[in-house]
């Protein structure tokens, strides 16, 4: 990494950290030459590692997350729908999976829409990707995050309004409190409650409509 950075200083170098968890002092030694760290979900349980990654991101560098389960029996909710939620909770710019689509005749063998995809989330059908239930669960999670991002943007806009057009303080506080706690509730406190992500999306939608309505109606 040091040699690569010295010879091509404009090259963006990414390091993906998988199993087993690498000692923090070794990661620190790599950091001066790395532009992107992408740790596997096995790092999420280490407070000292996650603190370092946040410090790394604060330097203007990139922090991504990924997961590499390959079995189709893993939970559609806790594995696939959770990917976007984990990225949002940890402040990551990118959420990655092991594989999107397997190619025919590749290292993992010939695969098509008639064959189990072995960790991929789409099937190959004569060169065109075919969605899977796993992919749709993944997409649902990213849709959840779109609602959170929309609520954040609407809340920021509401705070800039003049007093007469601003929603009342109770509604603003409710929206802010929701955004501050919801990711931790879904990802950390209630990960086995499979309806929590959907309930969070519905609550975000209600708050968006209430804030928009209040601004359109002159603050009430």
C-alpha atoms as a PDB file:
ATOM      1  CA  UNK A   1       0.000   0.000   0.000  1.00  0.00           C
ATOM      2  CA  UNK A   2       2.803   2.393   0.874  1.00  0.00           C
ATOM      3  CA  UNK A   3       4.577   1.670  -2.434  1.00  0.00           C
ATOM      4  CA  UNK A   4       1.324   1.971  -4.404  1.00  0.00           C
ATOM      5  CA  UNK A   5       0.490   5.317  -2.818  1.00  0.00           C
ATOM      6  CA  UNK A   6       3.998   6.635  -3.436  1.00  0.00           C
ATOM      7  CA  UNK A   7       4.016   5.643  -7.089  1.00  0.00           C
ATOM      8  CA  UNK A   8       0.406   6.648  -7.849  1.00  0.00           C
ATOM      9  CA  UNK A   9      -0.625   9.220  -5.218  1.00  0.00           C
ATOM     10  CA  UNK A  10      -3.896  10.033  -6.997  1.00  0.00           C
ATOM     11  CA  UNK A  11      -5.026   6.398  -6.949  1.00  0.00           C
ATOM     12  CA  UNK A  12      -7.863   5.700  -4.517  1.00  0.00           C
ATOM     13  CA  UNK A  13      -6.966   2.628  -2.485  1.00  0.00           C
ATOM     14  CA  UNK A  14      -9.656   0.540  -0.793  1.00  0.00           C
ATOM     15  CA  UNK A  15      -9.067  -2.148   1.814  1.00  0.00           C
ATOM     16  CA  UNK A  16     -11.810  -4.671   2.531  1.00  0.00           C
ATOM     17  CA  UNK A  17     -11.526  -6.197   6.004  1.00  0.00           C
ATOM     18  CA  UNK A  18     -13.051  -9.647   6.375  1.00  0.00           C
ATOM     19  CA  UNK A  19     -12.850 -12.589   8.754  1.00  0.00           C
ATOM     20  CA  UNK A  20     -11.132 -12.895  11.162  1.00  0.00           C
ATOM     21  CA  UNK A  21     -11.115  -9.469  12.807  1.00  0.00           C
ATOM     22  CA  UNK A  22      -7.721  -7.846  12.212  1.00  0.00           C
ATOM     23  CA  UNK A  23      -5.978  -6.342  15.220  1.00  0.00           C
ATOM     24  CA  UNK A  24      -6.544  -2.611  15.486  1.00  0.00           C
ATOM     25  CA  UNK A  25      -2.831  -1.770  15.542  1.00  0.00           C
ATOM     26  CA  UNK A  26      -2.435  -3.445  12.147  1.00  0.00           C
ATOM     27  CA  UNK A  27      -5.321  -1.460  10.705  1.00  0.00           C
ATOM     28  CA  UNK A  28      -3.844   1.760  12.086  1.00  0.00           C
ATOM     29  CA  UNK A  29      -0.569   0.949  10.315  1.00  0.00           C
ATOM     30  CA  UNK A  30      -2.440   0.713   6.993  1.00  0.00           C
ATOM     31  CA  UNK A  31      -4.532   3.846   7.491  1.00  0.00           C
ATOM     32  CA  UNK A  32      -2.080   6.492   6.144  1.00  0.00           C
ATOM     33  CA  UNK A  33      -2.116   4.782   2.733  1.00  0.00           C
ATOM     34  CA  UNK A  34      -5.821   3.886   2.572  1.00  0.00           C
ATOM     35  CA  UNK A  35      -8.655   6.009   1.178  1.00  0.00           C
ATOM     36  CA  UNK A  36     -11.512   3.577   1.877  1.00  0.00           C
ATOM     37  CA  UNK A  37     -11.935   1.025   4.646  1.00  0.00           C
ATOM     38  CA  UNK A  38     -14.739  -1.489   4.082  1.00  0.00           C
ATOM     39  CA  UNK A  39     -15.089  -3.760   7.127  1.00  0.00           C
ATOM     40  CA  UNK A  40     -17.213  -6.863   7.258  1.00  0.00           C
ATOM     41  CA  UNK A  41     -20.097  -7.006   9.706  1.00  0.00           C
ATOM     42  CA  UNK A  42     -17.908  -9.036  12.097  1.00  0.00           C
ATOM     43  CA  UNK A  43     -16.243  -5.731  13.070  1.00  0.00           C
ATOM     44  CA  UNK A  44     -19.494  -4.127  14.234  1.00  0.00           C
ATOM     45  CA  UNK A  45     -19.266  -5.754  17.663  1.00  0.00           C
ATOM     46  CA  UNK A  46     -15.900  -4.153  18.451  1.00  0.00           C
ATOM     47  CA  UNK A  47     -16.360  -0.713  19.983  1.00  0.00           C
ATOM     48  CA  UNK A  48     -12.678   0.171  19.586  1.00  0.00           C
ATOM     49  CA  UNK A  49     -12.643  -0.754  15.891  1.00  0.00           C
ATOM     50  CA  UNK A  50     -15.848   1.168  15.169  1.00  0.00           C
ATOM     51  CA  UNK A  51     -14.490   4.207  17.027  1.00  0.00           C
ATOM     52  CA  UNK A  52     -11.386   4.086  14.840  1.00  0.00           C
ATOM     53  CA  UNK A  53     -13.448   3.868  11.639  1.00  0.00           C
ATOM     54  CA  UNK A  54     -15.450   6.934  12.677  1.00  0.00           C
ATOM     55  CA  UNK A  55     -12.199   8.810  13.340  1.00  0.00           C
ATOM     56  CA  UNK A  56     -10.922   7.652   9.951  1.00  0.00           C
ATOM     57  CA  UNK A  57     -14.102   8.984   8.302  1.00  0.00           C
ATOM     58  CA  UNK A  58     -13.740  12.296  10.163  1.00  0.00           C
ATOM     59  CA  UNK A  59     -10.454  12.803   8.310  1.00  0.00           C
ATOM     60  CA  UNK A  60     -12.438  13.093   5.069  1.00  0.00           C
ATOM     61  CA  UNK A  61     -11.845   9.494   4.065  1.00  0.00           C
ATOM     62  CA  UNK A  62     -14.491   6.931   3.131  1.00  0.00           C
ATOM     63  CA  UNK A  63     -16.069   4.270   5.328  1.00  0.00           C
ATOM     64  CA  UNK A  64     -18.100   1.453   3.765  1.00  0.00           C
ATOM     65  CA  UNK A  65     -19.606  -1.764   5.152  1.00  0.00           C
ATOM     66  CA  UNK A  66     -20.280  -5.150   3.627  1.00  0.00           C
ATOM     67  CA  UNK A  67     -21.557  -8.637   4.404  1.00  0.00           C
ATOM     68  CA  UNK A  68     -20.621 -11.888   2.715  1.00  0.00           C
ATOM     69  CA  UNK A  69     -23.170 -14.543   3.578  1.00  0.00           C
ATOM     70  CA  UNK A  70     -23.552 -17.055   0.754  1.00  0.00           C
ATOM     71  CA  UNK A  71     -26.422 -19.245   1.988  1.00  0.00           C
ATOM     72  CA  UNK A  72     -29.943 -18.590   0.745  1.00  0.00           C
ATOM     73  CA  UNK A  73     -31.342 -19.721   4.098  1.00  0.00           C
ATOM     74  CA  UNK A  74     -30.208 -16.570   5.939  1.00  0.00           C
ATOM     75  CA  UNK A  75     -32.940 -14.263   7.186  1.00  0.00           C
ATOM     76  CA  UNK A  76     -34.492 -12.071   4.512  1.00  0.00           C
ATOM     77  CA  UNK A  77     -35.056  -9.459   7.186  1.00  0.00           C
ATOM     78  CA  UNK A  78     -31.934  -9.530   9.375  1.00  0.00           C
ATOM     79  CA  UNK A  79     -29.491 -10.087   6.529  1.00  0.00           C
ATOM     80  CA  UNK A  80     -30.853  -8.512   3.363  1.00  0.00           C
ATOM     81  CA  UNK A  81     -33.236  -5.791   4.544  1.00  0.00           C
ATOM     82  CA  UNK A  82     -30.772  -4.853   7.282  1.00  0.00           C
ATOM     83  CA  UNK A  83     -27.890  -3.993   4.935  1.00  0.00           C
ATOM     84  CA  UNK A  84     -29.032  -0.426   4.285  1.00  0.00           C
ATOM     85  CA  UNK A  85     -30.062   0.039   7.917  1.00  0.00           C
ATOM     86  CA  UNK A  86     -26.610  -1.007   9.154  1.00  0.00           C
ATOM     87  CA  UNK A  87     -24.938   1.394   6.746  1.00  0.00           C
ATOM     88  CA  UNK A  88     -27.191   4.243   7.914  1.00  0.00           C
ATOM     89  CA  UNK A  89     -26.646   3.393  11.589  1.00  0.00           C
ATOM     90  CA  UNK A  90     -22.856   3.272  11.243  1.00  0.00           C
ATOM     91  CA  UNK A  91     -22.670   6.316   8.955  1.00  0.00           C
ATOM     92  CA  UNK A  92     -21.287   4.363   5.998  1.00  0.00           C
ATOM     93  CA  UNK A  93     -21.464   5.742   2.467  1.00  0.00           C
ATOM     94  CA  UNK A  94     -21.771   2.310   0.831  1.00  0.00           C
ATOM     95  CA  UNK A  95     -23.411  -0.993   1.809  1.00  0.00           C
ATOM     96  CA  UNK A  96     -22.075  -3.995  -0.061  1.00  0.00           C
ATOM     97  CA  UNK A  97     -22.909  -7.669  -0.422  1.00  0.00           C
ATOM     98  CA  UNK A  98     -20.788 -10.662  -1.373  1.00  0.00           C
ATOM     99  CA  UNK A  99     -22.076 -10.938  -4.926  1.00  0.00           C
ATOM    100  CA  UNK A 100     -24.802  -9.438  -7.109  1.00  0.00           C
ATOM    101  CA  UNK A 101     -24.875 -11.810 -10.098  1.00  0.00           C
ATOM    102  CA  UNK A 102     -22.985 -14.973 -10.953  1.00  0.00           C
ATOM    103  CA  UNK A 103     -21.706 -15.360 -14.487  1.00  0.00           C
ATOM    104  CA  UNK A 104     -22.118 -18.567 -16.494  1.00  0.00           C
ATOM    105  CA  UNK A 105     -19.034 -20.739 -16.515  1.00  0.00           C
ATOM    106  CA  UNK A 106     -17.354 -18.685 -13.793  1.00  0.00           C
ATOM    107  CA  UNK A 107     -15.472 -19.876 -10.745  1.00  0.00           C
ATOM    108  CA  UNK A 108     -18.717 -20.861  -9.037  1.00  0.00           C
ATOM    109  CA  UNK A 109     -19.976 -22.881 -11.986  1.00  0.00           C
ATOM    110  CA  UNK A 110     -22.646 -22.363 -14.587  1.00  0.00           C
ATOM    111  CA  UNK A 111     -25.605 -20.557 -13.081  1.00  0.00           C
ATOM    112  CA  UNK A 112     -28.901 -19.473 -14.546  1.00  0.00           C
ATOM    113  CA  UNK A 113     -32.350 -18.478 -13.370  1.00  0.00           C
ATOM    114  CA  UNK A 114     -33.057 -22.203 -12.906  1.00  0.00           C
ATOM    115  CA  UNK A 115     -30.150 -22.596 -10.443  1.00  0.00           C
ATOM    116  CA  UNK A 116     -29.737 -21.453  -6.843  1.00  0.00           C
ATOM    117  CA  UNK A 117     -27.432 -18.435  -7.006  1.00  0.00           C
ATOM    118  CA  UNK A 118     -25.031 -19.366  -4.174  1.00  0.00           C
ATOM    119  CA  UNK A 119     -24.856 -15.985  -2.472  1.00  0.00           C
ATOM    120  CA  UNK A 120     -25.846 -13.769  -5.375  1.00  0.00           C
ATOM    121  CA  UNK A 121     -29.060 -11.753  -5.244  1.00  0.00           C
ATOM    122  CA  UNK A 122     -29.929 -11.921  -8.949  1.00  0.00           C
ATOM    123  CA  UNK A 123     -30.118 -14.757 -11.445  1.00  0.00           C
ATOM    124  CA  UNK A 124     -28.636 -14.976 -14.908  1.00  0.00           C
ATOM    125  CA  UNK A 125     -31.115 -15.530 -17.750  1.00  0.00           C
ATOM    126  CA  UNK A 126     -29.350 -15.505 -21.130  1.00  0.00           C
ATOM    127  CA  UNK A 127     -27.378 -12.400 -20.176  1.00  0.00           C
ATOM    128  CA  UNK A 128     -30.207 -10.492 -18.489  1.00  0.00           C
ATOM    129  CA  UNK A 129     -30.437 -10.281 -14.687  1.00  0.00           C
ATOM    130  CA  UNK A 130     -33.532 -11.684 -12.996  1.00  0.00           C
ATOM    131  CA  UNK A 131     -34.466 -10.437  -9.535  1.00  0.00           C
ATOM    132  CA  UNK A 132     -34.824 -12.723  -6.522  1.00  0.00           C
ATOM    133  CA  UNK A 133     -36.749 -12.537  -3.277  1.00  0.00           C
ATOM    134  CA  UNK A 134     -33.398 -11.785  -1.612  1.00  0.00           C
ATOM    135  CA  UNK A 135     -32.870  -8.824  -3.928  1.00  0.00           C
ATOM    136  CA  UNK A 136     -36.372  -7.497  -3.218  1.00  0.00           C
ATOM    137  CA  UNK A 137     -35.707  -7.714   0.532  1.00  0.00           C
ATOM    138  CA  UNK A 138     -32.457  -5.804  -0.017  1.00  0.00           C
ATOM    139  CA  UNK A 139     -34.323  -3.163  -2.024  1.00  0.00           C
ATOM    140  CA  UNK A 140     -36.953  -2.794   0.711  1.00  0.00           C
ATOM    141  CA  UNK A 141     -34.201  -1.829   3.143  1.00  0.00           C
ATOM    142  CA  UNK A 142     -32.873   0.865   0.837  1.00  0.00           C
ATOM    143  CA  UNK A 143     -36.423   2.147   0.373  1.00  0.00           C
ATOM    144  CA  UNK A 144     -36.682   2.381   4.173  1.00  0.00           C
ATOM    145  CA  UNK A 145     -33.575   4.575   4.232  1.00  0.00           C
ATOM    146  CA  UNK A 146     -34.956   6.806   1.479  1.00  0.00           C
ATOM    147  CA  UNK A 147     -37.836   7.646   3.825  1.00  0.00           C
ATOM    148  CA  UNK A 148     -35.418   8.467   6.648  1.00  0.00           C
ATOM    149  CA  UNK A 149     -33.352  10.674   4.328  1.00  0.00           C
ATOM    150  CA  UNK A 150     -36.490  12.410   3.066  1.00  0.00           C
ATOM    151  CA  UNK A 151     -37.649  13.058   6.624  1.00  0.00           C
ATOM    152  CA  UNK A 152     -34.236  14.482   7.511  1.00  0.00           C
ATOM    153  CA  UNK A 153     -34.390  16.837   4.509  1.00  0.00           C
ATOM    154  CA  UNK A 154     -37.954  17.959   5.261  1.00  0.00           C
ATOM    155  CA  UNK A 155     -37.050  18.514   8.920  1.00  0.00           C
ATOM    156  CA  UNK A 156     -34.027  20.617   7.937  1.00  0.00           C
ATOM    157  CA  UNK A 157     -36.226  22.664   5.606  1.00  0.00           C
ATOM    158  CA  UNK A 158     -38.838  23.149   8.341  1.00  0.00           C
ATOM    159  CA  UNK A 159     -36.234  24.514  10.750  1.00  0.00           C
ATOM    160  CA  UNK A 160     -35.285  27.260   8.291  1.00  0.00           C
ATOM    161  CA  UNK A 161     -38.833  28.565   7.919  1.00  0.00           C
ATOM    162  CA  UNK A 162     -39.911  31.859   9.404  1.00  0.00           C
ATOM    163  CA  UNK A 163     -41.803  31.580  12.679  1.00  0.00           C
ATOM    164  CA  UNK A 164     -45.221  31.946  11.074  1.00  0.00           C
ATOM    165  CA  UNK A 165     -44.569  29.084   8.598  1.00  0.00           C
ATOM    166  CA  UNK A 166     -42.604  26.788  10.889  1.00  0.00           C
ATOM    167  CA  UNK A 167     -44.270  23.653  12.320  1.00  0.00           C
ATOM    168  CA  UNK A 168     -44.839  23.777  16.063  1.00  0.00           C
ATOM    169  CA  UNK A 169     -41.976  22.826  18.338  1.00  0.00           C
ATOM    170  CA  UNK A 170     -43.618  19.585  19.474  1.00  0.00           C
ATOM    171  CA  UNK A 171     -43.790  18.233  15.911  1.00  0.00           C
ATOM    172  CA  UNK A 172     -40.211  19.289  15.170  1.00  0.00           C
ATOM    173  CA  UNK A 173     -39.008  17.589  18.348  1.00  0.00           C
ATOM    174  CA  UNK A 174     -40.944  14.399  17.529  1.00  0.00           C
ATOM    175  CA  UNK A 175     -39.321  14.176  14.094  1.00  0.00           C
ATOM    176  CA  UNK A 176     -35.853  14.906  15.450  1.00  0.00           C
ATOM    177  CA  UNK A 177     -36.188  12.398  18.275  1.00  0.00           C
ATOM    178  CA  UNK A 178     -37.401   9.734  15.854  1.00  0.00           C
ATOM    179  CA  UNK A 179     -34.403  10.192  13.553  1.00  0.00           C
ATOM    180  CA  UNK A 180     -31.988  10.078  16.472  1.00  0.00           C
ATOM    181  CA  UNK A 181     -33.249   6.792  17.883  1.00  0.00           C
ATOM    182  CA  UNK A 182     -34.833   4.763  15.072  1.00  0.00           C
ATOM    183  CA  UNK A 183     -31.729   3.167  13.538  1.00  0.00           C
ATOM    184  CA  UNK A 184     -30.477   1.963  16.911  1.00  0.00           C
ATOM    185  CA  UNK A 185     -33.918   0.558  17.702  1.00  0.00           C
ATOM    186  CA  UNK A 186     -34.106  -1.372  14.423  1.00  0.00           C
ATOM    187  CA  UNK A 187     -30.504  -2.578  14.230  1.00  0.00           C
ATOM    188  CA  UNK A 188     -29.405  -2.943  17.865  1.00  0.00           C
ATOM    189  CA  UNK A 189     -32.295  -3.000  20.319  1.00  0.00           C
ATOM    190  CA  UNK A 190     -35.003  -4.844  18.360  1.00  0.00           C
ATOM    191  CA  UNK A 191     -33.241  -6.788  15.588  1.00  0.00           C
ATOM    192  CA  UNK A 192     -35.522  -9.830  16.009  1.00  0.00           C
ATOM    193  CA  UNK A 193     -38.715  -7.784  15.740  1.00  0.00           C
ATOM    194  CA  UNK A 194     -39.214  -8.254  12.012  1.00  0.00           C
ATOM    195  CA  UNK A 195     -41.982  -5.688  11.705  1.00  0.00           C
ATOM    196  CA  UNK A 196     -39.895  -2.869  13.198  1.00  0.00           C
ATOM    197  CA  UNK A 197     -38.303  -1.657   9.954  1.00  0.00           C
ATOM    198  CA  UNK A 198     -41.679  -1.469   8.208  1.00  0.00           C
ATOM    199  CA  UNK A 199     -43.211   0.330  11.200  1.00  0.00           C
ATOM    200  CA  UNK A 200     -40.306   2.793  11.150  1.00  0.00           C
ATOM    201  CA  UNK A 201     -40.893   3.504   7.463  1.00  0.00           C
ATOM    202  CA  UNK A 202     -44.604   4.147   8.070  1.00  0.00           C
ATOM    203  CA  UNK A 203     -43.811   6.456  10.988  1.00  0.00           C
ATOM    204  CA  UNK A 204     -41.285   8.359   8.876  1.00  0.00           C
ATOM    205  CA  UNK A 205     -43.914   8.767   6.143  1.00  0.00           C
ATOM    206  CA  UNK A 206     -46.448  10.141   8.636  1.00  0.00           C
ATOM    207  CA  UNK A 207     -43.939  12.634  10.023  1.00  0.00           C
ATOM    208  CA  UNK A 208     -42.995  13.767   6.512  1.00  0.00           C
ATOM    209  CA  UNK A 209     -46.640  14.427   5.665  1.00  0.00           C
ATOM    210  CA  UNK A 210     -47.281  16.198   8.957  1.00  0.00           C
ATOM    211  CA  UNK A 211     -44.254  18.475   8.527  1.00  0.00           C
ATOM    212  CA  UNK A 212     -45.130  19.238   4.913  1.00  0.00           C
ATOM    213  CA  UNK A 213     -48.734  19.900   5.851  1.00  0.00           C
ATOM    214  CA  UNK A 214     -47.722  22.178   8.696  1.00  0.00           C
ATOM    215  CA  UNK A 215     -45.451  24.222   6.450  1.00  0.00           C
ATOM    216  CA  UNK A 216     -48.102  24.468   3.753  1.00  0.00           C
ATOM    217  CA  UNK A 217     -50.707  25.488   6.315  1.00  0.00           C
ATOM    218  CA  UNK A 218     -48.672  28.216   7.928  1.00  0.00           C
ATOM    219  CA  UNK A 219     -47.119  26.300  10.785  1.00  0.00           C
ATOM    220  CA  UNK A 220     -50.134  24.278  11.930  1.00  0.00           C
END
